[in-house]
């Protein structure tokens, strides 16, 4: 039985080297991807972090361990004032080329120090102890101007205990509530289905339950979180790629029986609109859904591509809770169908309300 999530990740410190002043990353360097890892106590998050910090996988990965929990929303003004003294502990260099630090208050300061290091990292992994909802982290990574050109949000990874997840599913069948793990699955781009060696029943069935909650997510099976790191990093889940996957989800959404399109569970729906839409109206539509909550729907994630009136650019839409972003990504190709496609993950979703209200964004 894996119970080492209560233990801090192991670190092997190297002998000190001659120090040199930090250098800025090259101006033309591409942003470093940040993967956020979530998961409840005992799922295997620390096991994954230990694996990354100690295995010879050939990647330079910076791991940030936080202790700020729900207090992530500290404003930059407080950070610059340096309240509480040094907020970021020293970076520890590990034998496999990775680095690690512990952050008590300032995530932004830790990331700023990291991108200024002379030895550039391949990836950044942010471990979110005590933080069930990753939306506050997303707001920091998206909205901090000084970080915007140096890093990018790459993906949200959720670690699930396969044995406990089966128990939660069984309990859900006899209750009007739903498992807490469903929340984190809803936010995830990748789910690590861990401890599969402790499960006797069908793993395909467990994956089906995961995809019923979040049809966008990639499921990676593991024992003690030993996974191919190429499946975790450089997903570019918040970029413009994988638009073809949205079409697959659209087809999937059309196949869902009407009886399953409006219930109180967390689910995935896909809406589309063939006519070009007005950008200002789309933003107003999003703010009504995410901020003003004009309906009983509880939106966790939105992801889509937009055909904006009088624009030759594909616009990508990303939203996590109240934080959203609509940006031009690239030019439409001559072979593409210019159509709006949006995937929505949330609770109490009503496909008719979503479709009709979005159709009002037509220019």
Protein backbone atom coordinates (compact mmCIF):
# COMPACT_ATOMS: atom_id res chain seq x y z
CA UNK A 1 0.00 0.00 0.00
CA UNK A 2 1.29 3.44 -0.94
CA UNK A 3 1.15 5.76 2.02
CA UNK A 4 4.18 7.94 1.39
CA UNK A 5 2.21 11.02 0.41
CA UNK A 6 2.66 12.19 3.99
CA UNK A 7 6.44 12.21 3.48
CA UNK A 8 8.29 15.09 1.83
CA UNK A 9 10.03 14.32 -1.46
CA UNK A 10 13.54 12.99 -1.09
CA UNK A 11 16.33 15.19 -2.40
CA UNK A 12 19.97 14.36 -3.02
CA UNK A 13 22.01 17.53 -2.62
CA UNK A 14 25.17 17.95 -4.64
CA UNK A 15 28.37 19.51 -3.28
CA UNK A 16 28.31 23.32 -3.62
CA UNK A 17 29.64 24.79 -6.84
CA UNK A 18 31.16 28.19 -7.50
CA UNK A 19 28.31 30.64 -7.67
CA UNK A 20 27.71 32.94 -10.59
CA UNK A 21 25.23 35.81 -10.94
CA UNK A 22 21.90 34.84 -12.43
CA UNK A 23 21.46 35.56 -16.11
CA UNK A 24 18.33 36.45 -17.99
CA UNK A 25 17.04 33.89 -20.45
CA UNK A 26 17.77 34.71 -24.12
CA UNK A 27 15.27 37.14 -25.57
CA UNK A 28 14.27 34.68 -28.28
CA UNK A 29 13.91 31.71 -25.92
CA UNK A 30 10.52 30.03 -26.00
CA UNK A 31 8.52 30.09 -22.75
CA UNK A 32 9.07 27.21 -20.32
CA UNK A 33 5.97 25.08 -19.79
CA UNK A 34 4.47 24.80 -16.29
CA UNK A 35 2.57 21.65 -15.34
CA UNK A 36 0.36 21.90 -12.25
CA UNK A 37 -0.13 18.65 -10.32
CA UNK A 38 -3.18 18.08 -8.12
CA UNK A 39 -4.55 15.11 -6.23
CA UNK A 40 -5.85 14.27 -2.78
CA UNK A 41 -3.67 13.00 0.05
CA UNK A 42 -2.60 9.44 -0.59
CA UNK A 43 -3.15 9.47 -4.34
CA UNK A 44 0.58 9.44 -5.07
CA UNK A 45 1.60 13.05 -5.77
CA UNK A 46 4.73 12.87 -3.63
CA UNK A 47 5.58 9.53 -5.19
CA UNK A 48 5.50 11.21 -8.60
CA UNK A 49 7.64 14.11 -7.37
CA UNK A 50 10.17 11.69 -5.86
CA UNK A 51 10.33 9.81 -9.14
CA UNK A 52 11.00 13.00 -11.10
CA UNK A 53 13.63 14.23 -8.64
CA UNK A 54 15.60 11.00 -8.41
CA UNK A 55 15.30 9.05 -11.68
CA UNK A 56 17.76 9.45 -14.54
CA UNK A 57 15.19 10.51 -17.14
CA UNK A 58 17.40 12.96 -19.03
CA UNK A 59 15.16 16.00 -18.46
CA UNK A 60 15.94 19.16 -16.51
CA UNK A 61 12.78 19.72 -14.48
CA UNK A 62 12.26 22.32 -11.78
CA UNK A 63 9.89 21.16 -9.04
CA UNK A 64 8.23 23.79 -6.87
CA UNK A 65 6.72 22.44 -3.65
CA UNK A 66 4.29 24.88 -2.08
CA UNK A 67 2.86 25.32 1.35
CA UNK A 68 0.50 28.16 0.58
CA UNK A 69 -2.72 26.20 0.10
CA UNK A 70 -5.64 28.50 -0.58
CA UNK A 71 -3.54 31.62 0.14
CA UNK A 72 -2.15 31.66 -3.41
CA UNK A 73 -4.07 34.80 -4.29
CA UNK A 74 -1.52 37.17 -2.74
CA UNK A 75 -1.14 40.33 -4.78
CA UNK A 76 2.12 41.27 -6.45
CA UNK A 77 2.30 44.47 -4.38
CA UNK A 78 2.63 42.40 -1.23
CA UNK A 79 5.28 40.24 -2.86
CA UNK A 80 7.45 43.17 -3.89
CA UNK A 81 7.33 44.58 -0.37
CA UNK A 82 8.95 41.36 0.84
CA UNK A 83 6.66 40.88 3.79
CA UNK A 84 7.83 38.08 6.04
CA UNK A 85 11.44 38.12 4.82
CA UNK A 86 12.77 35.60 2.32
CA UNK A 87 9.80 33.87 0.78
CA UNK A 88 11.60 31.39 -1.43
CA UNK A 89 14.09 28.96 0.04
CA UNK A 90 17.32 28.07 -1.76
CA UNK A 91 17.07 25.95 -4.89
CA UNK A 92 18.53 22.49 -4.30
CA UNK A 93 20.36 20.92 -7.22
CA UNK A 94 19.79 17.20 -7.63
CA UNK A 95 21.96 14.45 -9.01
CA UNK A 96 19.77 13.95 -12.11
CA UNK A 97 19.96 17.59 -13.22
CA UNK A 98 16.65 18.70 -11.73
CA UNK A 99 16.21 21.44 -9.15
CA UNK A 100 13.75 21.76 -6.28
CA UNK A 101 12.59 24.44 -3.88
CA UNK A 102 9.90 24.96 -1.27
CA UNK A 103 7.64 28.03 -1.47
CA UNK A 104 5.79 29.33 1.56
CA UNK A 105 4.04 32.37 0.12
CA UNK A 106 5.25 33.71 -3.21
CA UNK A 107 4.78 31.52 -6.25
CA UNK A 108 5.49 34.48 -8.52
CA UNK A 109 8.84 35.17 -6.84
CA UNK A 110 9.85 31.51 -7.15
CA UNK A 111 9.02 31.49 -10.86
CA UNK A 112 10.86 34.77 -11.43
CA UNK A 113 13.98 33.40 -9.77
CA UNK A 114 13.70 30.22 -11.80
CA UNK A 115 13.48 31.84 -15.24
CA UNK A 116 16.48 34.02 -14.38
CA UNK A 117 18.71 31.02 -13.68
CA UNK A 118 21.65 30.55 -16.01
CA UNK A 119 20.90 26.83 -16.42
CA UNK A 120 17.57 26.87 -18.24
CA UNK A 121 15.03 24.22 -17.29
CA UNK A 122 13.13 22.05 -19.77
CA UNK A 123 9.93 21.99 -17.70
CA UNK A 124 8.48 23.27 -14.42
CA UNK A 125 6.28 21.11 -12.18
CA UNK A 126 4.21 22.89 -9.56
CA UNK A 127 3.02 20.59 -6.77
CA UNK A 128 -0.10 21.96 -5.08
CA UNK A 129 -0.27 20.67 -1.53
CA UNK A 130 -3.65 21.41 0.01
CA UNK A 131 -5.03 23.13 -3.08
CA UNK A 132 -8.01 21.26 -4.50
CA UNK A 133 -9.00 23.89 -7.06
CA UNK A 134 -6.19 24.92 -9.44
CA UNK A 135 -8.03 28.01 -10.73
CA UNK A 136 -6.13 30.48 -8.45
CA UNK A 137 -2.84 29.14 -9.81
CA UNK A 138 -4.08 29.50 -13.36
CA UNK A 139 -4.87 33.16 -12.72
CA UNK A 140 -1.28 33.75 -11.56
CA UNK A 141 0.21 31.99 -14.59
CA UNK A 142 -2.09 33.73 -17.07
CA UNK A 143 -2.42 37.21 -15.67
CA UNK A 144 1.01 38.12 -14.26
CA UNK A 145 2.53 40.47 -16.86
CA UNK A 146 6.15 39.95 -15.80
CA UNK A 147 5.86 36.17 -16.18
CA UNK A 148 3.88 36.14 -19.40
CA UNK A 149 6.81 35.98 -21.85
CA UNK A 150 8.93 33.59 -19.76
CA UNK A 151 6.56 30.77 -18.89
CA UNK A 152 3.33 29.26 -20.16
CA UNK A 153 0.74 27.05 -18.54
CA UNK A 154 1.26 23.68 -20.20
CA UNK A 155 -1.18 21.34 -18.45
CA UNK A 156 -2.97 20.40 -15.24
CA UNK A 157 -2.19 16.88 -14.03
CA UNK A 158 -4.40 15.04 -11.52
CA UNK A 159 -3.23 11.92 -9.69
CA UNK A 160 -6.04 9.50 -8.83
CA UNK A 161 -5.85 6.54 -6.46
CA UNK A 162 -7.47 3.82 -8.60
CA UNK A 163 -8.61 1.72 -5.64
CA UNK A 164 -10.15 4.63 -3.74
CA UNK A 165 -11.70 5.99 -6.93
CA UNK A 166 -13.62 2.74 -7.37
CA UNK A 167 -14.94 3.12 -3.79
CA UNK A 168 -16.06 6.69 -4.51
CA UNK A 169 -17.84 5.61 -7.70
CA UNK A 170 -19.73 2.90 -5.81
CA UNK A 171 -20.74 5.37 -3.10
CA UNK A 172 -21.88 7.83 -5.77
CA UNK A 173 -24.41 5.31 -7.08
CA UNK A 174 -26.27 5.48 -3.76
CA UNK A 175 -25.94 9.20 -3.08
CA UNK A 176 -27.06 12.49 -4.58
CA UNK A 177 -23.58 13.92 -4.07
CA UNK A 178 -20.58 13.18 -6.26
CA UNK A 179 -16.98 12.17 -5.44
CA UNK A 180 -14.54 14.94 -4.61
CA UNK A 181 -12.11 13.43 -7.10
CA UNK A 182 -14.56 14.36 -9.87
CA UNK A 183 -13.74 18.04 -9.27
CA UNK A 184 -10.06 17.54 -9.95
CA UNK A 185 -10.74 15.31 -12.95
CA UNK A 186 -12.89 18.11 -14.38
CA UNK A 187 -9.95 20.53 -14.29
CA UNK A 188 -7.35 18.05 -15.54
CA UNK A 189 -5.66 17.73 -18.92
CA UNK A 190 -3.92 14.51 -17.82
CA UNK A 191 -5.09 12.00 -15.20
CA UNK A 192 -2.57 9.57 -13.75
CA UNK A 193 -4.60 6.52 -12.71
CA UNK A 194 -2.22 5.33 -10.02
CA UNK A 195 -2.05 2.14 -7.93
CA UNK A 196 -3.59 0.02 -10.66
CA UNK A 197 -1.87 -3.01 -9.13
CA UNK A 198 -4.30 -2.76 -6.19
CA UNK A 199 -7.43 -2.89 -8.38
CA UNK A 200 -8.99 -6.19 -9.37
CA UNK A 201 -11.81 -4.97 -11.62
CA UNK A 202 -11.73 -3.48 -15.09
CA UNK A 203 -9.44 -0.50 -15.60
CA UNK A 204 -11.34 0.28 -18.80
CA UNK A 205 -14.44 0.83 -16.68
CA UNK A 206 -12.59 3.27 -14.44
CA UNK A 207 -11.33 5.15 -17.48
CA UNK A 208 -14.89 5.34 -18.82
CA UNK A 209 -16.00 7.02 -15.58
CA UNK A 210 -13.14 9.50 -15.90
CA UNK A 211 -14.06 10.35 -19.49
CA UNK A 212 -17.73 10.68 -18.54
CA UNK A 213 -16.60 13.57 -16.32
CA UNK A 214 -13.99 15.03 -18.67
CA UNK A 215 -13.95 13.85 -22.27
CA UNK A 216 -10.87 16.00 -23.00
CA UNK A 217 -8.57 14.30 -20.52
CA UNK A 218 -5.74 11.88 -21.30
CA UNK A 219 -5.53 8.92 -18.88
CA UNK A 220 -2.13 7.43 -18.04
CA UNK A 221 -2.06 4.21 -16.00
CA UNK A 222 0.68 3.73 -13.43
CA UNK A 223 2.08 1.75 -10.52
CA UNK A 224 3.79 4.01 -7.97
CA UNK A 225 3.51 6.90 -10.48
CA UNK A 226 6.28 5.54 -12.68
CA UNK A 227 5.17 6.97 -16.01
CA UNK A 228 6.71 8.09 -19.27
CA UNK A 229 7.34 11.78 -18.61
CA UNK A 230 6.76 12.54 -22.28
CA UNK A 231 3.08 11.86 -21.55
CA UNK A 232 3.05 14.56 -18.87
CA UNK A 233 5.11 17.43 -20.24
CA UNK A 234 4.86 19.61 -23.34
CA UNK A 235 1.17 18.82 -23.75
CA UNK A 236 0.46 22.40 -24.89
CA UNK A 237 -3.04 21.93 -23.57
CA UNK A 238 -3.61 25.69 -23.56
CA UNK A 239 -2.32 26.30 -27.09
CA UNK A 240 -3.90 26.19 -30.51
CA UNK A 241 -3.08 22.61 -31.38
CA UNK A 242 -5.42 19.62 -31.33
CA UNK A 243 -8.32 21.44 -32.96
CA UNK A 244 -9.21 18.14 -34.64
CA UNK A 245 -9.83 16.69 -31.19
CA UNK A 246 -12.56 19.28 -30.66
CA UNK A 247 -14.35 17.94 -33.73
CA UNK A 248 -14.21 14.43 -32.26
CA UNK A 249 -15.75 15.77 -29.05
CA UNK A 250 -18.41 17.59 -31.02
CA UNK A 251 -19.38 14.30 -32.69
CA UNK A 252 -19.32 12.59 -29.30
CA UNK A 253 -21.56 15.28 -27.80
CA UNK A 254 -24.12 14.83 -30.60
CA UNK A 255 -24.27 11.10 -29.81
CA UNK A 256 -25.20 11.61 -26.14
CA UNK A 257 -28.85 10.71 -25.44
CA UNK A 258 -31.00 13.73 -24.44
CA UNK A 259 -31.65 12.13 -21.04
CA UNK A 260 -27.94 12.50 -20.19
CA UNK A 261 -27.54 16.07 -21.36
CA UNK A 262 -28.94 17.75 -18.28
CA UNK A 263 -28.30 16.30 -14.85
CA UNK A 264 -26.55 17.30 -11.64
CA UNK A 265 -23.32 15.43 -12.34
CA UNK A 266 -20.09 16.79 -13.76
CA UNK A 267 -19.99 16.19 -17.48
CA UNK A 268 -18.58 17.36 -20.82
CA UNK A 269 -20.62 19.00 -23.57
CA UNK A 270 -19.63 20.48 -26.90
CA UNK A 271 -21.38 23.32 -28.72
CA UNK A 272 -20.81 24.73 -32.16
CA UNK A 273 -21.82 27.63 -34.37
CA UNK A 274 -21.14 27.83 -38.10
CA UNK A 275 -21.53 31.59 -38.50
CA UNK A 276 -18.74 33.98 -37.43
CA UNK A 277 -19.14 35.50 -33.97
CA UNK A 278 -18.48 38.92 -32.53
CA UNK A 279 -15.51 38.92 -30.12
CA UNK A 280 -17.06 41.44 -27.73
CA UNK A 281 -20.28 39.39 -27.59
CA UNK A 282 -18.29 36.21 -26.88
CA UNK A 283 -16.50 37.91 -24.00
CA UNK A 284 -19.82 39.15 -22.64
CA UNK A 285 -21.24 35.61 -22.97
CA UNK A 286 -18.28 34.18 -21.06
CA UNK A 287 -18.54 36.76 -18.32
CA UNK A 288 -22.23 35.99 -17.92
CA UNK A 289 -21.48 32.28 -17.53
CA UNK A 290 -18.33 32.52 -15.42
CA UNK A 291 -18.70 35.73 -13.44
CA UNK A 292 -22.36 36.61 -13.12
CA UNK A 293 -23.51 32.97 -13.12
CA UNK A 294 -26.83 33.85 -14.73
CA UNK A 295 -27.87 30.19 -14.77
CA UNK A 296 -27.67 27.23 -12.39
CA UNK A 297 -24.78 25.80 -14.39
CA UNK A 298 -21.40 25.58 -12.64
CA UNK A 299 -18.69 25.91 -15.29
CA UNK A 300 -15.27 24.44 -14.48
CA UNK A 301 -13.49 24.49 -17.84
CA UNK A 302 -14.04 25.80 -21.36
CA UNK A 303 -11.82 25.12 -24.33
CA UNK A 304 -12.47 25.98 -27.93
CA UNK A 305 -11.63 27.59 -31.24
CA UNK A 306 -13.50 30.62 -32.53
CA UNK A 307 -14.28 32.04 -35.96
CA UNK A 308 -14.25 35.77 -35.25
CA UNK A 309 -16.00 38.16 -37.63
CA UNK A 310 -13.60 40.16 -39.87
CA UNK A 311 -10.56 38.16 -38.74
CA UNK A 312 -8.44 35.65 -40.65
CA UNK A 313 -7.03 34.31 -37.38
CA UNK A 314 -8.08 31.23 -35.46
CA UNK A 315 -8.86 32.45 -31.94
CA UNK A 316 -8.45 30.04 -29.04
CA UNK A 317 -10.66 30.13 -25.98
CA UNK A 318 -9.49 28.85 -22.59
CA UNK A 319 -11.31 29.24 -19.29
CA UNK A 320 -10.72 27.81 -15.83
CA UNK A 321 -13.41 28.89 -13.37
CA UNK A 322 -13.62 32.70 -13.52
CA UNK A 323 -10.38 33.17 -15.46
CA UNK A 324 -10.64 33.17 -19.24
CA UNK A 325 -8.51 34.07 -22.22
CA UNK A 326 -9.40 34.56 -25.89
CA UNK A 327 -6.39 35.15 -28.14
CA UNK A 328 -5.52 34.91 -31.85
CA UNK A 329 -3.36 31.84 -32.45
CA UNK A 330 -2.66 31.48 -36.17
CA UNK A 331 -4.22 32.01 -39.58
CA UNK A 332 -6.99 29.74 -40.77
CA UNK A 333 -5.73 27.31 -43.38
CA UNK A 334 -7.46 27.10 -46.74
CA UNK A 335 -8.61 23.53 -46.05
CA UNK A 336 -10.18 24.22 -42.63
CA UNK A 337 -13.87 24.65 -42.00
CA UNK A 338 -14.28 27.97 -40.24
CA UNK A 339 -16.57 26.92 -37.44
CA UNK A 340 -16.82 27.76 -33.73
CA UNK A 341 -16.33 24.75 -31.46
CA UNK A 342 -16.37 24.98 -27.66
CA UNK A 343 -16.03 22.18 -25.12
CA UNK A 344 -17.60 22.91 -21.72
CA UNK A 345 -16.93 20.90 -18.56
CA UNK A 346 -19.07 21.55 -15.52
CA UNK A 347 -22.04 20.65 -13.35
CA UNK A 348 -25.73 21.01 -14.18
CA UNK A 349 -24.86 21.64 -17.81
CA UNK A 350 -27.77 22.30 -20.16
CA UNK A 351 -26.84 21.87 -23.82
CA UNK A 352 -29.86 23.86 -25.03
CA UNK A 353 -29.09 26.89 -22.84
CA UNK A 354 -25.42 26.85 -23.82
CA UNK A 355 -26.11 26.45 -27.52
CA UNK A 356 -28.87 29.05 -27.70
CA UNK A 357 -26.99 31.65 -25.65
CA UNK A 358 -23.79 31.22 -27.67
CA UNK A 359 -25.73 31.55 -30.92
CA UNK A 360 -26.54 35.07 -29.73
CA UNK A 361 -22.86 35.96 -30.22
CA UNK A 362 -23.21 35.90 -34.00
CA UNK A 363 -22.09 39.15 -35.57
